Amino acid sequence: MAESTVWVFVAPEATFPSGVFGSLEQADQWIAKNQLSGVLTEYPVGVGVYDWAVTRGVFTPRPGKVIDAAFVGRFTSAAMLHFHYEDGVRTA
């Protein structure tokens, strides 16, 4: 069974996302229409990013490192599929 995901858009210096989409196509259209800059990332539904990364082996905690709530709450992974946009155009 395929993992359920959503696409989340965050603009530079934003504190919170400005859009969550069920498909890449929806997100691309919205970003282009509004000429936005920022990062669009595919997030799994029903699992935190820290757990997602550890389960897939893209992050391994160092022995002895304290993994506390603050660390897990801020955790992100470059291994997540993501795209960068400038003025509504995908650049990477």
PDB file of N, CA and C in Angstrom:
ATOM      1  N   MET A   1       0.841  -1.194   0.000  1.00  0.00           N
ATOM      2  CA  MET A   1       0.000   0.000   0.000  1.00  0.00           C
ATOM      3  C   MET A   1       0.881   1.250   0.000  1.00  0.00           C
ATOM      4  N   ALA A   2       0.574   2.182  -0.853  1.00  0.00           N
ATOM      5  CA  ALA A   2       1.355   3.410  -0.960  1.00  0.00           C
ATOM      6  C   ALA A   2       1.120   4.312   0.241  1.00  0.00           C
ATOM      7  N   GLU A   3       2.176   4.969   0.639  1.00  0.00           N
ATOM      8  CA  GLU A   3       2.095   5.909   1.752  1.00  0.00           C
ATOM      9  C   GLU A   3       1.309   7.152   1.319  1.00  0.00           C
ATOM     10  N   SER A   4       0.436   7.627   2.176  1.00  0.00           N
ATOM     11  CA  SER A   4      -0.317   8.843   1.901  1.00  0.00           C
ATOM     12  C   SER A   4       0.581  10.047   2.189  1.00  0.00           C
ATOM     13  N   THR A   5       0.578  11.020   1.268  1.00  0.00           N
ATOM     14  CA  THR A   5       1.413  12.205   1.443  1.00  0.00           C
ATOM     15  C   THR A   5       0.638  13.467   1.077  1.00  0.00           C
ATOM     16  N   VAL A   6       1.168  14.596   1.517  1.00  0.00           N
ATOM     17  CA  VAL A   6       0.683  15.912   1.115  1.00  0.00           C
ATOM     18  C   VAL A   6       1.900  16.758   0.755  1.00  0.00           C
ATOM     19  N   TRP A   7       1.651  17.803  -0.006  1.00  0.00           N
ATOM     20  CA  TRP A   7       2.690  18.743  -0.390  1.00  0.00           C
ATOM     21  C   TRP A   7       2.492  20.033   0.399  1.00  0.00           C
ATOM     22  N   VAL A   8       3.543  20.494   1.080  1.00  0.00           N
ATOM     23  CA  VAL A   8       3.473  21.657   1.964  1.00  0.00           C
ATOM     24  C   VAL A   8       4.409  22.744   1.428  1.00  0.00           C
ATOM     25  N   PHE A   9       3.853  23.952   1.242  1.00  0.00           N
ATOM     26  CA  PHE A   9       4.635  25.081   0.738  1.00  0.00           C
ATOM     27  C   PHE A   9       4.955  26.051   1.864  1.00  0.00           C
ATOM     28  N   VAL A  10       6.245  26.444   1.940  1.00  0.00           N
ATOM     29  CA  VAL A  10       6.696  27.423   2.927  1.00  0.00           C
ATOM     30  C   VAL A  10       7.523  28.481   2.201  1.00  0.00           C
ATOM     31  N   ALA A  11       7.145  29.741   2.381  1.00  0.00           N
ATOM     32  CA  ALA A  11       7.868  30.863   1.776  1.00  0.00           C
ATOM     33  C   ALA A  11       9.069  31.235   2.647  1.00  0.00           C
ATOM     34  N   PRO A  12      10.054  31.912   2.069  1.00  0.00           N
ATOM     35  CA  PRO A  12      11.221  32.343   2.846  1.00  0.00           C
ATOM     36  C   PRO A  12      10.792  33.200   4.037  1.00  0.00           C
ATOM     37  N   GLU A  13      11.405  32.951   5.165  1.00  0.00           N
ATOM     38  CA  GLU A  13      11.166  33.686   6.413  1.00  0.00           C
ATOM     39  C   GLU A  13       9.771  33.489   6.986  1.00  0.00           C
ATOM     40  N   ALA A  14       8.989  32.585   6.414  1.00  0.00           N
ATOM     41  CA  ALA A  14       7.654  32.304   6.967  1.00  0.00           C
ATOM     42  C   ALA A  14       7.785  31.446   8.215  1.00  0.00           C
ATOM     43  N   THR A  15       6.893  31.656   9.150  1.00  0.00           N
ATOM     44  CA  THR A  15       6.869  30.840  10.356  1.00  0.00           C
ATOM     45  C   THR A  15       6.036  29.587  10.132  1.00  0.00           C
ATOM     46  N   PHE A  16       5.011  29.706   9.317  1.00  0.00           N
ATOM     47  CA  PHE A  16       4.097  28.598   9.063  1.00  0.00           C
ATOM     48  C   PHE A  16       3.900  28.399   7.558  1.00  0.00           C
ATOM     49  N   PRO A  17       3.474  27.208   7.141  1.00  0.00           N
ATOM     50  CA  PRO A  17       3.176  26.974   5.726  1.00  0.00           C
ATOM     51  C   PRO A  17       2.031  27.857   5.250  1.00  0.00           C
ATOM     52  N   SER A  18       2.043  28.161   3.958  1.00  0.00           N
ATOM     53  CA  SER A  18       0.949  28.954   3.391  1.00  0.00           C
ATOM     54  C   SER A  18       0.051  28.128   2.484  1.00  0.00           C
ATOM     55  N   GLY A  19       0.396  26.844   2.301  1.00  0.00           N
ATOM     56  CA  GLY A  19      -0.455  25.983   1.496  1.00  0.00           C
ATOM     57  C   GLY A  19      -0.122  24.517   1.705  1.00  0.00           C
ATOM     58  N   VAL A  20      -1.179  23.692   1.700  1.00  0.00           N
ATOM     59  CA  VAL A  20      -1.037  22.234   1.794  1.00  0.00           C
ATOM     60  C   VAL A  20      -1.899  21.641   0.686  1.00  0.00           C
ATOM     61  N   PHE A  21      -1.302  20.749  -0.117  1.00  0.00           N
ATOM     62  CA  PHE A  21      -1.965  20.258  -1.317  1.00  0.00           C
ATOM     63  C   PHE A  21      -1.925  18.739  -1.391  1.00  0.00           C
ATOM     64  N   GLY A  22      -2.943  18.178  -2.019  1.00  0.00           N
ATOM     65  CA  GLY A  22      -3.035  16.743  -2.188  1.00  0.00           C
ATOM     66  C   GLY A  22      -2.231  16.217  -3.357  1.00  0.00           C
ATOM     67  N   SER A  23      -1.763  17.110  -4.238  1.00  0.00           N
ATOM     68  CA  SER A  23      -0.960  16.657  -5.375  1.00  0.00           C
ATOM     69  C   SER A  23       0.077  17.716  -5.729  1.00  0.00           C
ATOM     70  N   LEU A  24       1.141  17.256  -6.360  1.00  0.00           N
ATOM     71  CA  LEU A  24       2.191  18.152  -6.833  1.00  0.00           C
ATOM     72  C   LEU A  24       1.640  19.110  -7.878  1.00  0.00           C
ATOM     73  N   GLU A  25       0.757  18.611  -8.726  1.00  0.00           N
ATOM     74  CA  GLU A  25       0.185  19.442  -9.787  1.00  0.00           C
ATOM     75  C   GLU A  25      -0.606  20.623  -9.206  1.00  0.00           C
ATOM     76  N   GLN A  26      -1.416  20.350  -8.171  1.00  0.00           N
ATOM     77  CA  GLN A  26      -2.182  21.429  -7.520  1.00  0.00           C
ATOM     78  C   GLN A  26      -1.237  22.488  -6.964  1.00  0.00           C
ATOM     79  N   ALA A  27      -0.199  22.027  -6.285  1.00  0.00           N
ATOM     80  CA  ALA A  27       0.754  22.952  -5.669  1.00  0.00           C
ATOM     81  C   ALA A  27       1.468  23.773  -6.733  1.00  0.00           C
ATOM     82  N   ASP A  28       1.965  23.120  -7.780  1.00  0.00           N
ATOM     83  CA  ASP A  28       2.655  23.824  -8.869  1.00  0.00           C
ATOM     84  C   ASP A  28       1.788  24.925  -9.463  1.00  0.00           C
ATOM     85  N   GLN A  29       0.522  24.614  -9.712  1.00  0.00           N
ATOM     86  CA  GLN A  29      -0.391  25.602 -10.301  1.00  0.00           C
ATOM     87  C   GLN A  29      -0.587  26.793  -9.377  1.00  0.00           C
ATOM     88  N   TRP A  30      -0.783  26.527  -8.092  1.00  0.00           N
ATOM     89  CA  TRP A  30      -1.012  27.599  -7.125  1.00  0.00           C
ATOM     90  C   TRP A  30       0.221  28.480  -6.977  1.00  0.00           C
ATOM     91  N   ILE A  31       1.392  27.854  -6.895  1.00  0.00           N
ATOM     92  CA  ILE A  31       2.644  28.600  -6.763  1.00  0.00           C
ATOM     93  C   ILE A  31       2.880  29.463  -8.000  1.00  0.00           C
ATOM     94  N   ALA A  32       2.672  28.902  -9.185  1.00  0.00           N
ATOM     95  CA  ALA A  32       2.867  29.664 -10.430  1.00  0.00           C
ATOM     96  C   ALA A  32       1.880  30.820 -10.525  1.00  0.00           C
ATOM     97  N   LYS A  33       0.600  30.545 -10.219  1.00  0.00           N
ATOM     98  CA  LYS A  33      -0.438  31.576 -10.313  1.00  0.00           C
ATOM     99  C   LYS A  33      -0.114  32.772  -9.426  1.00  0.00           C
ATOM    100  N   ASN A  34       0.441  32.513  -8.265  1.00  0.00           N
ATOM    101  CA  ASN A  34       0.741  33.578  -7.298  1.00  0.00           C
ATOM    102  C   ASN A  34       2.188  34.051  -7.336  1.00  0.00           C
ATOM    103  N   GLN A  35       2.967  33.513  -8.280  1.00  0.00           N
ATOM    104  CA  GLN A  35       4.369  33.904  -8.468  1.00  0.00           C
ATOM    105  C   GLN A  35       5.158  33.856  -7.160  1.00  0.00           C
ATOM    106  N   LEU A  36       5.049  32.730  -6.459  1.00  0.00           N
ATOM    107  CA  LEU A  36       5.644  32.591  -5.138  1.00  0.00           C
ATOM    108  C   LEU A  36       7.071  32.068  -5.182  1.00  0.00           C
ATOM    109  N   SER A  37       7.825  32.403  -4.149  1.00  0.00           N
ATOM    110  CA  SER A  37       9.155  31.855  -3.922  1.00  0.00           C
ATOM    111  C   SER A  37       9.120  31.075  -2.626  1.00  0.00           C
ATOM    112  N   GLY A  38       9.860  29.974  -2.591  1.00  0.00           N
ATOM    113  CA  GLY A  38       9.913  29.173  -1.379  1.00  0.00           C
ATOM    114  C   GLY A  38      10.216  27.728  -1.686  1.00  0.00           C
ATOM    115  N   VAL A  39       9.863  26.853  -0.739  1.00  0.00           N
ATOM    116  CA  VAL A  39      10.142  25.420  -0.859  1.00  0.00           C
ATOM    117  C   VAL A  39       8.848  24.636  -0.714  1.00  0.00           C
ATOM    118  N   LEU A  40       8.671  23.672  -1.610  1.00  0.00           N
ATOM    119  CA  LEU A  40       7.531  22.763  -1.580  1.00  0.00           C
ATOM    120  C   LEU A  40       8.071  21.384  -1.216  1.00  0.00           C
ATOM    121  N   THR A  41       7.544  20.791  -0.136  1.00  0.00           N
ATOM    122  CA  THR A  41       8.055  19.523   0.367  1.00  0.00           C
ATOM    123  C   THR A  41       6.932  18.518   0.486  1.00  0.00           C
ATOM    124  N   GLU A  42       7.219  17.270   0.114  1.00  0.00           N
ATOM    125  CA  GLU A  42       6.256  16.179   0.256  1.00  0.00           C
ATOM    126  C   GLU A  42       6.404  15.581   1.659  1.00  0.00           C
ATOM    127  N   TYR A  43       5.313  15.619   2.427  1.00  0.00           N
ATOM    128  CA  TYR A  43       5.298  15.100   3.796  1.00  0.00           C
ATOM    129  C   TYR A  43       4.415  13.863   3.886  1.00  0.00           C
ATOM    130  N   PRO A  44       4.850  12.881   4.666  1.00  0.00           N
ATOM    131  CA  PRO A  44       3.998  11.715   4.901  1.00  0.00           C
ATOM    132  C   PRO A  44       2.860  12.095   5.846  1.00  0.00           C
ATOM    133  N   VAL A  45       1.720  11.461   5.683  1.00  0.00           N
ATOM    134  CA  VAL A  45       0.577  11.700   6.566  1.00  0.00           C
ATOM    135  C   VAL A  45       0.575  10.625   7.649  1.00  0.00           C
ATOM    136  N   GLY A  46       0.389  11.037   8.887  1.00  0.00           N
ATOM    137  CA  GLY A  46       0.255  10.088   9.986  1.00  0.00           C
ATOM    138  C   GLY A  46       1.551   9.656  10.632  1.00  0.00           C
ATOM    139  N   VAL A  47       2.655  10.309  10.272  1.00  0.00           N
ATOM    140  CA  VAL A  47       3.945   9.981  10.893  1.00  0.00           C
ATOM    141  C   VAL A  47       4.802  11.243  10.946  1.00  0.00           C
ATOM    142  N   GLY A  48       5.520  11.417  12.037  1.00  0.00           N
ATOM    143  CA  GLY A  48       6.420  12.555  12.158  1.00  0.00           C
ATOM    144  C   GLY A  48       7.656  12.368  11.291  1.00  0.00           C
ATOM    145  N   VAL A  49       8.265  13.469  10.897  1.00  0.00           N
ATOM    146  CA  VAL A  49       9.426  13.418  10.016  1.00  0.00           C
ATOM    147  C   VAL A  49      10.589  12.684  10.678  1.00  0.00           C
ATOM    148  N   TYR A  50      10.800  12.898  11.963  1.00  0.00           N
ATOM    149  CA  TYR A  50      11.884  12.189  12.655  1.00  0.00           C
ATOM    150  C   TYR A  50      11.694  10.676  12.537  1.00  0.00           C
ATOM    151  N   ASP A  51      10.498  10.186  12.864  1.00  0.00           N
ATOM    152  CA  ASP A  51      10.225   8.750  12.776  1.00  0.00           C
ATOM    153  C   ASP A  51      10.334   8.252  11.340  1.00  0.00           C
ATOM    154  N   TRP A  52       9.862   9.034  10.392  1.00  0.00           N
ATOM    155  CA  TRP A  52       9.946   8.693   8.969  1.00  0.00           C
ATOM    156  C   TRP A  52      11.405   8.498   8.563  1.00  0.00           C
ATOM    157  N   ALA A  53      12.262   9.433   8.963  1.00  0.00           N
ATOM    158  CA  ALA A  53      13.679   9.383   8.584  1.00  0.00           C
ATOM    159  C   ALA A  53      14.405   8.210   9.240  1.00  0.00           C
ATOM    160  N   VAL A  54      14.127   7.962  10.509  1.00  0.00           N
ATOM    161  CA  VAL A  54      14.777   6.851  11.208  1.00  0.00           C
ATOM    162  C   VAL A  54      14.333   5.523  10.613  1.00  0.00           C
ATOM    163  N   THR A  55      13.037   5.373  10.359  1.00  0.00           N
ATOM    164  CA  THR A  55      12.500   4.132   9.794  1.00  0.00           C
ATOM    165  C   THR A  55      13.114   3.820   8.438  1.00  0.00           C
ATOM    166  N   ARG A  56      13.359   4.839   7.626  1.00  0.00           N
ATOM    167  CA  ARG A  56      13.907   4.638   6.284  1.00  0.00           C
ATOM    168  C   ARG A  56      15.431   4.595   6.256  1.00  0.00           C
ATOM    169  N   GLY A  57      16.056   4.821   7.396  1.00  0.00           N
ATOM    170  CA  GLY A  57      17.513   4.770   7.459  1.00  0.00           C
ATOM    171  C   GLY A  57      18.208   5.985   6.895  1.00  0.00           C
ATOM    172  N   VAL A  58      17.484   7.083   6.694  1.00  0.00           N
ATOM    173  CA  VAL A  58      18.120   8.302   6.187  1.00  0.00           C
ATOM    174  C   VAL A  58      18.642   9.167   7.326  1.00  0.00           C
ATOM    175  N   PHE A  59      18.339   8.792   8.567  1.00  0.00           N
ATOM    176  CA  PHE A  59      18.898   9.447   9.748  1.00  0.00           C
ATOM    177  C   PHE A  59      19.116   8.397  10.824  1.00  0.00           C
ATOM    178  N   THR A  60      20.307   8.400  11.377  1.00  0.00           N
ATOM    179  CA  THR A  60      20.632   7.500  12.475  1.00  0.00           C
ATOM    180  C   THR A  60      21.154   8.342  13.627  1.00  0.00           C
ATOM    181  N   PRO A  61      20.457   8.325  14.770  1.00  0.00           N
ATOM    182  CA  PRO A  61      20.937   9.103  15.918  1.00  0.00           C
ATOM    183  C   PRO A  61      22.322   8.629  16.352  1.00  0.00           C
ATOM    184  N   ARG A  62      23.173   9.563  16.706  1.00  0.00           N
ATOM    185  CA  ARG A  62      24.507   9.216  17.209  1.00  0.00           C
ATOM    186  C   ARG A  62      24.383   8.589  18.593  1.00  0.00           C
ATOM    187  N   PRO A  63      25.171   7.561  18.860  1.00  0.00           N
ATOM    188  CA  PRO A  63      25.145   6.958  20.203  1.00  0.00           C
ATOM    189  C   PRO A  63      25.454   8.012  21.265  1.00  0.00           C
ATOM    190  N   GLY A  64      24.649   8.019  22.302  1.00  0.00           N
ATOM    191  CA  GLY A  64      24.843   8.960  23.397  1.00  0.00           C
ATOM    192  C   GLY A  64      24.198  10.314  23.189  1.00  0.00           C
ATOM    193  N   LYS A  65      23.737  10.611  21.975  1.00  0.00           N
ATOM    194  CA  LYS A  65      23.080  11.910  21.737  1.00  0.00           C
ATOM    195  C   LYS A  65      21.686  11.879  22.335  1.00  0.00           C
ATOM    196  N   VAL A  66      21.361  12.923  23.055  1.00  0.00           N
ATOM    197  CA  VAL A  66      20.041  13.028  23.655  1.00  0.00           C
ATOM    198  C   VAL A  66      19.051  13.499  22.592  1.00  0.00           C
ATOM    199  N   ILE A  67      18.038  12.685  22.342  1.00  0.00           N
ATOM    200  CA  ILE A  67      16.978  13.053  21.404  1.00  0.00           C
ATOM    201  C   ILE A  67      15.783  13.471  22.253  1.00  0.00           C
ATOM    202  N   ASP A  68      15.621  14.776  22.414  1.00  0.00           N
ATOM    203  CA  ASP A  68      14.537  15.278  23.252  1.00  0.00           C
ATOM    204  C   ASP A  68      13.404  15.842  22.402  1.00  0.00           C
ATOM    205  N   ALA A  69      12.375  16.317  23.082  1.00  0.00           N
ATOM    206  CA  ALA A  69      11.191  16.831  22.394  1.00  0.00           C
ATOM    207  C   ALA A  69      11.538  17.997  21.467  1.00  0.00           C
ATOM    208  N   ALA A  70      12.426  18.879  21.898  1.00  0.00           N
ATOM    209  CA  ALA A  70      12.795  20.025  21.066  1.00  0.00           C
ATOM    210  C   ALA A  70      13.466  19.560  19.773  1.00  0.00           C
ATOM    211  N   PHE A  71      14.328  18.562  19.862  1.00  0.00           N
ATOM    212  CA  PHE A  71      15.019  18.044  18.677  1.00  0.00           C
ATOM    213  C   PHE A  71      14.011  17.427  17.713  1.00  0.00           C
ATOM    214  N   VAL A  72      13.150  16.560  18.215  1.00  0.00           N
ATOM    215  CA  VAL A  72      12.151  15.897  17.373  1.00  0.00           C
ATOM    216  C   VAL A  72      11.191  16.924  16.775  1.00  0.00           C
ATOM    217  N   GLY A  73      10.808  17.924  17.546  1.00  0.00           N
ATOM    218  CA  GLY A  73       9.871  18.943  17.081  1.00  0.00           C
ATOM    219  C   GLY A  73      10.418  19.832  15.982  1.00  0.00           C
ATOM    220  N   ARG A  74      11.738  20.003  15.930  1.00  0.00           N
ATOM    221  CA  ARG A  74      12.364  20.842  14.897  1.00  0.00           C
ATOM    222  C   ARG A  74      12.932  20.022  13.745  1.00  0.00           C
ATOM    223  N   PHE A  75      12.895  18.712  13.860  1.00  0.00           N
ATOM    224  CA  PHE A  75      13.586  17.844  12.903  1.00  0.00           C
ATOM    225  C   PHE A  75      13.001  17.970  11.504  1.00  0.00           C
ATOM    226  N   THR A  76      13.889  18.018  10.534  1.00  0.00           N
ATOM    227  CA  THR A  76      13.524  17.964   9.125  1.00  0.00           C
ATOM    228  C   THR A  76      14.581  17.149   8.399  1.00  0.00           C
ATOM    229  N   SER A  77      14.309  16.724   7.205  1.00  0.00           N
ATOM    230  CA  SER A  77      15.253  15.884   6.482  1.00  0.00           C
ATOM    231  C   SER A  77      15.336  16.296   5.022  1.00  0.00           C
ATOM    232  N   ALA A  78      16.549  16.512   4.552  1.00  0.00           N
ATOM    233  CA  ALA A  78      16.761  16.831   3.140  1.00  0.00           C
ATOM    234  C   ALA A  78      16.439  15.640   2.252  1.00  0.00           C
ATOM    235  N   ALA A  79      16.265  14.456   2.846  1.00  0.00           N
ATOM    236  CA  ALA A  79      15.913  13.263   2.075  1.00  0.00           C
ATOM    237  C   ALA A  79      14.456  13.287   1.616  1.00  0.00           C
ATOM    238  N   MET A  80      13.666  14.184   2.182  1.00  0.00           N
ATOM    239  CA  MET A  80      12.270  14.310   1.752  1.00  0.00           C
ATOM    240  C   MET A  80      12.259  14.971   0.369  1.00  0.00           C
ATOM    241  N   LEU A  81      11.379  14.481  -0.503  1.00  0.00           N
ATOM    242  CA  LEU A  81      11.276  15.069  -1.836  1.00  0.00           C
ATOM    243  C   LEU A  81      10.830  16.519  -1.700  1.00  0.00           C
ATOM    244  N   HIS A  82      11.586  17.434  -2.314  1.00  0.00           N
ATOM    245  CA  HIS A  82      11.251  18.854  -2.220  1.00  0.00           C
ATOM    246  C   HIS A  82      11.749  19.593  -3.460  1.00  0.00           C
ATOM    247  N   PHE A  83      11.114  20.739  -3.712  1.00  0.00           N
ATOM    248  CA  PHE A  83      11.459  21.586  -4.851  1.00  0.00           C
ATOM    249  C   PHE A  83      11.533  23.034  -4.400  1.00  0.00           C
ATOM    250  N   HIS A  84      12.442  23.788  -5.016  1.00  0.00           N
ATOM    251  CA  HIS A  84      12.595  25.215  -4.737  1.00  0.00           C
ATOM    252  C   HIS A  84      11.941  26.013  -5.861  1.00  0.00           C
ATOM    253  N   TYR A  85      11.372  27.157  -5.500  1.00  0.00           N
ATOM    254  CA  TYR A  85      10.697  28.037  -6.467  1.00  0.00           C
ATOM    255  C   TYR A  85      11.180  29.457  -6.301  1.00  0.00           C
ATOM    256  N   GLU A  86      11.285  30.164  -7.421  1.00  0.00           N
ATOM    257  CA  GLU A  86      11.576  31.605  -7.448  1.00  0.00           C
ATOM    258  C   GLU A  86      10.544  32.258  -8.347  1.00  0.00           C
ATOM    259  N   ASP A  87       9.769  33.175  -7.787  1.00  0.00           N
ATOM    260  CA  ASP A  87       8.764  33.924  -8.546  1.00  0.00           C
ATOM    261  C   ASP A  87       7.833  32.989  -9.341  1.00  0.00           C
ATOM    262  N   GLY A  88       7.476  31.869  -8.721  1.00  0.00           N
ATOM    263  CA  GLY A  88       6.518  30.945  -9.331  1.00  0.00           C
ATOM    264  C   GLY A  88       7.121  29.905 -10.251  1.00  0.00           C
ATOM    265  N   VAL A  89       8.431  29.916 -10.437  1.00  0.00           N
ATOM    266  CA  VAL A  89       9.097  28.981 -11.341  1.00  0.00           C
ATOM    267  C   VAL A  89       9.936  28.007 -10.524  1.00  0.00           C
ATOM    268  N   ARG A  90       9.771  26.713 -10.804  1.00  0.00           N
ATOM    269  CA  ARG A  90      10.566  25.697 -10.102  1.00  0.00           C
ATOM    270  C   ARG A  90      12.011  25.792 -10.572  1.00  0.00           C
ATOM    271  N   THR A  91      12.926  25.933  -9.598  1.00  0.00           N
ATOM    272  CA  THR A  91      14.350  26.102  -9.937  1.00  0.00           C
ATOM    273  C   THR A  91      15.178  24.853  -9.622  1.00  0.00           C
ATOM    274  N   ALA A  92      14.707  24.036  -8.710  1.00  0.00           N
ATOM    275  CA  ALA A  92      15.460  22.823  -8.345  1.00  0.00           C
ATOM    276  C   ALA A  92      14.536  21.845  -7.666  1.00  0.00           C
TER     277      ALA A  92
END
